């Protein structure tokens, strides 16, 4: 099962991109925090950064109501992609939004 739930803050202004086929997508960066106890017993916080994208109705909603610093909850799936650069395959992963709630 490919299912992702994240709650975090948007760390970039949403960017709407129109593809060659006329379809639009929106992309942004989301940061989440993990808290853990280190080997010395101290509480530490680690930030994680996630590439997020959305299609369809979410393009207009995210572009209109979301901005840098807004806290959101996202439900979606992990998508793996790659591109060629100087003969090398560069792999990356993104979260595709299925549902989003502005907190």
N, C-alpha and C. Protein backbone atom coordinates (compact mmCIF):
# COMPACT_ATOMS: atom_id res chain seq x y z
N UNK A 1 0.84 -1.17 0.00
CA UNK A 1 0.00 0.00 0.00
C UNK A 1 0.89 1.24 0.00
N UNK A 2 0.58 2.17 -0.84
CA UNK A 2 1.35 3.41 -0.95
C UNK A 2 0.48 4.54 -0.41
N UNK A 3 0.71 4.92 0.86
CA UNK A 3 -0.13 5.91 1.53
C UNK A 3 0.76 6.77 2.43
N UNK A 4 0.64 8.10 2.30
CA UNK A 4 1.46 9.04 3.07
C UNK A 4 0.55 10.05 3.75
N UNK A 5 0.79 10.29 5.05
CA UNK A 5 0.12 11.36 5.80
C UNK A 5 1.19 12.24 6.41
N UNK A 6 1.12 13.53 6.16
CA UNK A 6 2.09 14.47 6.70
C UNK A 6 1.39 15.70 7.25
N UNK A 7 1.92 16.23 8.35
CA UNK A 7 1.49 17.52 8.88
C UNK A 7 2.75 18.35 9.01
N UNK A 8 2.74 19.53 8.39
CA UNK A 8 3.93 20.36 8.43
C UNK A 8 3.65 21.76 7.92
N UNK A 9 4.73 22.53 7.76
CA UNK A 9 4.63 23.91 7.28
C UNK A 9 5.18 24.01 5.87
N UNK A 10 4.45 24.79 5.08
CA UNK A 10 4.92 25.05 3.72
C UNK A 10 6.16 25.93 3.81
N UNK A 11 7.22 25.53 3.13
CA UNK A 11 8.49 26.26 3.18
C UNK A 11 8.80 26.96 1.87
N UNK A 12 7.84 26.96 0.97
CA UNK A 12 8.01 27.71 -0.27
C UNK A 12 6.63 28.15 -0.75
N UNK A 13 6.60 29.22 -1.49
CA UNK A 13 5.35 29.67 -2.10
C UNK A 13 4.98 28.65 -3.18
N UNK A 14 3.70 28.25 -3.24
CA UNK A 14 3.30 27.29 -4.28
C UNK A 14 3.60 27.84 -5.68
N UNK A 15 4.12 26.97 -6.53
CA UNK A 15 4.46 27.37 -7.90
C UNK A 15 3.59 26.57 -8.87
N UNK A 16 2.77 27.27 -9.63
CA UNK A 16 1.91 26.63 -10.63
C UNK A 16 2.70 26.50 -11.93
N UNK A 17 2.67 25.31 -12.50
CA UNK A 17 3.39 25.01 -13.73
C UNK A 17 2.39 24.47 -14.76
N UNK A 18 2.42 25.05 -15.96
CA UNK A 18 1.57 24.53 -17.04
C UNK A 18 2.41 23.63 -17.92
N UNK A 19 1.96 22.39 -18.08
CA UNK A 19 2.67 21.41 -18.89
C UNK A 19 2.36 21.62 -20.37
N UNK A 20 3.13 20.98 -21.24
CA UNK A 20 2.96 21.15 -22.68
C UNK A 20 1.59 20.70 -23.17
N UNK A 21 0.95 19.79 -22.42
CA UNK A 21 -0.39 19.32 -22.81
C UNK A 21 -1.50 20.24 -22.28
N UNK A 22 -1.13 21.35 -21.63
CA UNK A 22 -2.11 22.30 -21.10
C UNK A 22 -2.55 22.03 -19.68
N UNK A 23 -2.21 20.87 -19.17
CA UNK A 23 -2.55 20.50 -17.78
C UNK A 23 -1.67 21.29 -16.82
N UNK A 24 -2.22 21.66 -15.66
CA UNK A 24 -1.47 22.41 -14.66
C UNK A 24 -1.21 21.56 -13.43
N UNK A 25 -0.03 21.79 -12.82
CA UNK A 25 0.29 21.19 -11.54
C UNK A 25 0.81 22.31 -10.63
N UNK A 26 0.77 22.06 -9.34
CA UNK A 26 1.33 23.00 -8.37
C UNK A 26 2.36 22.24 -7.53
N UNK A 27 3.47 22.89 -7.26
CA UNK A 27 4.55 22.27 -6.48
C UNK A 27 4.93 23.19 -5.32
N UNK A 28 5.32 22.57 -4.20
CA UNK A 28 5.86 23.32 -3.06
C UNK A 28 6.66 22.38 -2.17
N UNK A 29 7.38 22.96 -1.22
CA UNK A 29 8.17 22.20 -0.25
C UNK A 29 7.46 22.25 1.09
N UNK A 30 7.37 21.10 1.75
CA UNK A 30 6.76 20.99 3.08
C UNK A 30 7.82 20.51 4.06
N UNK A 31 7.91 21.14 5.23
CA UNK A 31 8.83 20.65 6.25
C UNK A 31 8.03 20.03 7.38
N UNK A 32 8.53 18.90 7.88
CA UNK A 32 7.95 18.24 9.04
C UNK A 32 9.05 18.11 10.09
N UNK A 33 8.66 17.89 11.32
CA UNK A 33 9.63 17.76 12.42
C UNK A 33 9.47 16.41 13.09
N UNK A 34 10.59 15.79 13.42
CA UNK A 34 10.63 14.56 14.21
C UNK A 34 11.35 14.87 15.51
N UNK A 35 10.80 14.41 16.61
CA UNK A 35 11.43 14.58 17.91
C UNK A 35 11.88 13.21 18.41
N UNK A 36 13.10 13.15 18.95
CA UNK A 36 13.64 11.89 19.44
C UNK A 36 14.57 12.15 20.63
N UNK A 37 14.92 11.11 21.35
CA UNK A 37 15.85 11.20 22.48
C UNK A 37 17.20 10.67 22.00
N UNK A 38 18.25 11.50 22.14
CA UNK A 38 19.57 11.06 21.68
C UNK A 38 20.21 10.12 22.70
N UNK A 39 21.42 9.65 22.39
CA UNK A 39 22.11 8.67 23.25
C UNK A 39 22.45 9.21 24.63
N UNK A 40 22.46 10.53 24.80
CA UNK A 40 22.75 11.14 26.11
C UNK A 40 21.47 11.48 26.87
N UNK A 41 20.31 11.11 26.31
CA UNK A 41 19.04 11.32 26.99
C UNK A 41 18.39 12.68 26.75
N UNK A 42 18.95 13.45 25.82
CA UNK A 42 18.40 14.77 25.53
C UNK A 42 17.40 14.69 24.35
N UNK A 43 16.37 15.51 24.45
CA UNK A 43 15.39 15.57 23.37
C UNK A 43 15.94 16.41 22.23
N UNK A 44 15.87 15.87 21.03
CA UNK A 44 16.34 16.56 19.83
C UNK A 44 15.22 16.62 18.82
N UNK A 45 15.28 17.62 17.94
CA UNK A 45 14.30 17.77 16.87
C UNK A 45 15.04 17.80 15.54
N UNK A 46 14.51 17.04 14.60
CA UNK A 46 15.09 16.99 13.26
C UNK A 46 14.03 17.43 12.26
N UNK A 47 14.40 18.28 11.31
CA UNK A 47 13.49 18.71 10.25
C UNK A 47 13.67 17.83 9.02
N UNK A 48 12.56 17.50 8.39
CA UNK A 48 12.56 16.76 7.13
C UNK A 48 11.88 17.63 6.08
N UNK A 49 12.37 17.57 4.86
CA UNK A 49 11.85 18.39 3.76
C UNK A 49 11.28 17.47 2.71
N UNK A 50 10.06 17.79 2.24
CA UNK A 50 9.35 16.94 1.30
C UNK A 50 8.94 17.75 0.08
N UNK A 51 9.14 17.17 -1.10
CA UNK A 51 8.65 17.77 -2.35
C UNK A 51 7.20 17.33 -2.51
N UNK A 52 6.31 18.30 -2.71
CA UNK A 52 4.88 18.03 -2.82
C UNK A 52 4.38 18.54 -4.17
N UNK A 53 3.46 17.79 -4.80
CA UNK A 53 2.81 18.30 -6.01
C UNK A 53 1.35 17.86 -6.02
N UNK A 54 0.54 18.62 -6.77
CA UNK A 54 -0.89 18.32 -6.86
C UNK A 54 -1.41 18.67 -8.25
N UNK A 55 -2.49 17.99 -8.65
CA UNK A 55 -3.16 18.19 -9.93
C UNK A 55 -4.59 18.68 -9.70
N UNK A 56 -5.28 18.90 -10.79
CA UNK A 56 -6.72 19.12 -10.78
C UNK A 56 -7.17 20.27 -9.91
N UNK A 57 -8.24 20.03 -9.13
CA UNK A 57 -8.84 21.07 -8.30
C UNK A 57 -7.86 21.65 -7.28
N UNK A 58 -6.87 20.85 -6.88
CA UNK A 58 -5.93 21.31 -5.86
C UNK A 58 -5.04 22.44 -6.36
N UNK A 59 -4.83 22.54 -7.65
CA UNK A 59 -3.98 23.61 -8.19
C UNK A 59 -4.54 24.97 -7.80
N UNK A 60 -5.81 25.21 -8.09
CA UNK A 60 -6.43 26.51 -7.77
C UNK A 60 -6.54 26.73 -6.27
N UNK A 61 -6.91 25.69 -5.51
CA UNK A 61 -7.07 25.84 -4.06
C UNK A 61 -5.75 26.18 -3.40
N UNK A 62 -4.71 25.43 -3.71
CA UNK A 62 -3.40 25.67 -3.09
C UNK A 62 -2.84 27.02 -3.53
N UNK A 63 -2.97 27.35 -4.81
CA UNK A 63 -2.47 28.64 -5.30
C UNK A 63 -3.18 29.81 -4.64
N UNK A 64 -4.47 29.69 -4.39
CA UNK A 64 -5.26 30.80 -3.83
C UNK A 64 -5.13 30.93 -2.31
N UNK A 65 -5.12 29.81 -1.58
CA UNK A 65 -5.23 29.87 -0.13
C UNK A 65 -3.95 29.55 0.64
N UNK A 66 -2.94 29.00 -0.01
CA UNK A 66 -1.73 28.57 0.69
C UNK A 66 -0.55 29.48 0.36
N UNK A 67 0.35 29.60 1.33
CA UNK A 67 1.55 30.43 1.15
C UNK A 67 2.64 29.91 2.08
N UNK A 68 3.82 30.42 1.90
CA UNK A 68 4.96 30.10 2.73
C UNK A 68 4.60 30.27 4.21
N UNK A 69 4.86 29.25 5.05
CA UNK A 69 4.62 29.33 6.48
C UNK A 69 3.28 28.78 6.94
N UNK A 70 2.37 28.48 6.00
CA UNK A 70 1.06 27.93 6.34
C UNK A 70 1.22 26.48 6.78
N UNK A 71 0.52 26.09 7.85
CA UNK A 71 0.55 24.70 8.30
C UNK A 71 -0.57 23.92 7.61
N UNK A 72 -0.23 22.76 7.06
CA UNK A 72 -1.20 21.94 6.35
C UNK A 72 -1.05 20.46 6.73
N UNK A 73 -2.14 19.73 6.56
CA UNK A 73 -2.12 18.27 6.68
C UNK A 73 -2.35 17.73 5.27
N UNK A 74 -1.52 16.80 4.87
CA UNK A 74 -1.58 16.24 3.52
C UNK A 74 -1.75 14.73 3.59
N UNK A 75 -2.65 14.23 2.75
CA UNK A 75 -2.80 12.80 2.55
C UNK A 75 -2.51 12.57 1.08
N UNK A 76 -1.67 11.59 0.79
CA UNK A 76 -1.31 11.34 -0.60
C UNK A 76 -0.54 10.06 -0.78
N UNK A 77 0.26 10.02 -1.84
CA UNK A 77 1.07 8.84 -2.12
C UNK A 77 2.46 9.25 -2.56
N UNK A 78 3.41 8.35 -2.37
CA UNK A 78 4.79 8.58 -2.76
C UNK A 78 4.96 8.21 -4.23
N UNK A 79 5.57 9.13 -4.99
CA UNK A 79 5.80 8.92 -6.43
C UNK A 79 7.30 9.04 -6.69
N UNK A 80 7.86 8.05 -7.38
CA UNK A 80 9.29 8.06 -7.73
C UNK A 80 9.44 8.43 -9.20
N UNK A 81 10.42 9.29 -9.49
CA UNK A 81 10.69 9.74 -10.85
C UNK A 81 12.19 9.79 -11.09
N UNK A 82 12.58 9.96 -12.33
CA UNK A 82 14.00 10.19 -12.65
C UNK A 82 14.10 11.02 -13.91
N UNK A 83 15.27 11.62 -14.07
CA UNK A 83 15.60 12.34 -15.29
C UNK A 83 17.07 12.11 -15.58
N UNK A 84 17.46 12.36 -16.83
CA UNK A 84 18.85 12.18 -17.24
C UNK A 84 19.57 13.52 -17.19
N UNK A 85 20.77 13.50 -16.63
CA UNK A 85 21.63 14.68 -16.58
C UNK A 85 23.06 14.24 -16.84
N UNK A 86 23.64 14.74 -17.91
CA UNK A 86 25.01 14.38 -18.29
C UNK A 86 25.20 12.86 -18.38
N UNK A 87 24.19 12.17 -18.87
CA UNK A 87 24.28 10.72 -19.03
C UNK A 87 23.96 9.93 -17.77
N UNK A 88 23.74 10.62 -16.65
CA UNK A 88 23.42 9.94 -15.39
C UNK A 88 21.93 10.03 -15.11
N UNK A 89 21.37 8.97 -14.54
CA UNK A 89 19.97 8.99 -14.12
C UNK A 89 19.88 9.55 -12.71
N UNK A 90 19.10 10.60 -12.53
CA UNK A 90 18.90 11.23 -11.23
C UNK A 90 17.50 10.84 -10.75
N UNK A 91 17.44 10.11 -9.63
CA UNK A 91 16.17 9.67 -9.08
C UNK A 91 15.73 10.60 -7.96
N UNK A 92 14.41 10.84 -7.86
CA UNK A 92 13.87 11.65 -6.78
C UNK A 92 12.46 11.18 -6.46
N UNK A 93 12.00 11.53 -5.27
CA UNK A 93 10.66 11.15 -4.85
C UNK A 93 9.87 12.38 -4.43
N UNK A 94 8.56 12.34 -4.71
CA UNK A 94 7.66 13.43 -4.36
C UNK A 94 6.39 12.83 -3.76
N UNK A 95 5.64 13.66 -3.07
CA UNK A 95 4.34 13.28 -2.54
C UNK A 95 3.28 13.88 -3.44
N UNK A 96 2.38 13.04 -3.97
CA UNK A 96 1.25 13.52 -4.76
C UNK A 96 0.05 13.69 -3.84
N UNK A 97 -0.53 14.88 -3.81
CA UNK A 97 -1.64 15.19 -2.91
C UNK A 97 -2.93 14.53 -3.40
N UNK A 98 -3.60 13.83 -2.49
CA UNK A 98 -4.97 13.36 -2.71
C UNK A 98 -5.96 14.20 -1.92
N UNK A 99 -5.52 14.68 -0.74
CA UNK A 99 -6.36 15.52 0.10
C UNK A 99 -5.46 16.45 0.90
N UNK A 100 -5.97 17.64 1.20
CA UNK A 100 -5.20 18.65 1.92
C UNK A 100 -6.13 19.45 2.82
N UNK A 101 -5.67 19.69 4.05
CA UNK A 101 -6.43 20.52 5.00
C UNK A 101 -5.51 21.63 5.49
N UNK A 102 -5.98 22.86 5.40
CA UNK A 102 -5.22 23.99 5.95
C UNK A 102 -5.52 24.06 7.44
N UNK A 103 -4.48 24.03 8.26
CA UNK A 103 -4.67 24.02 9.72
C UNK A 103 -4.59 25.40 10.33
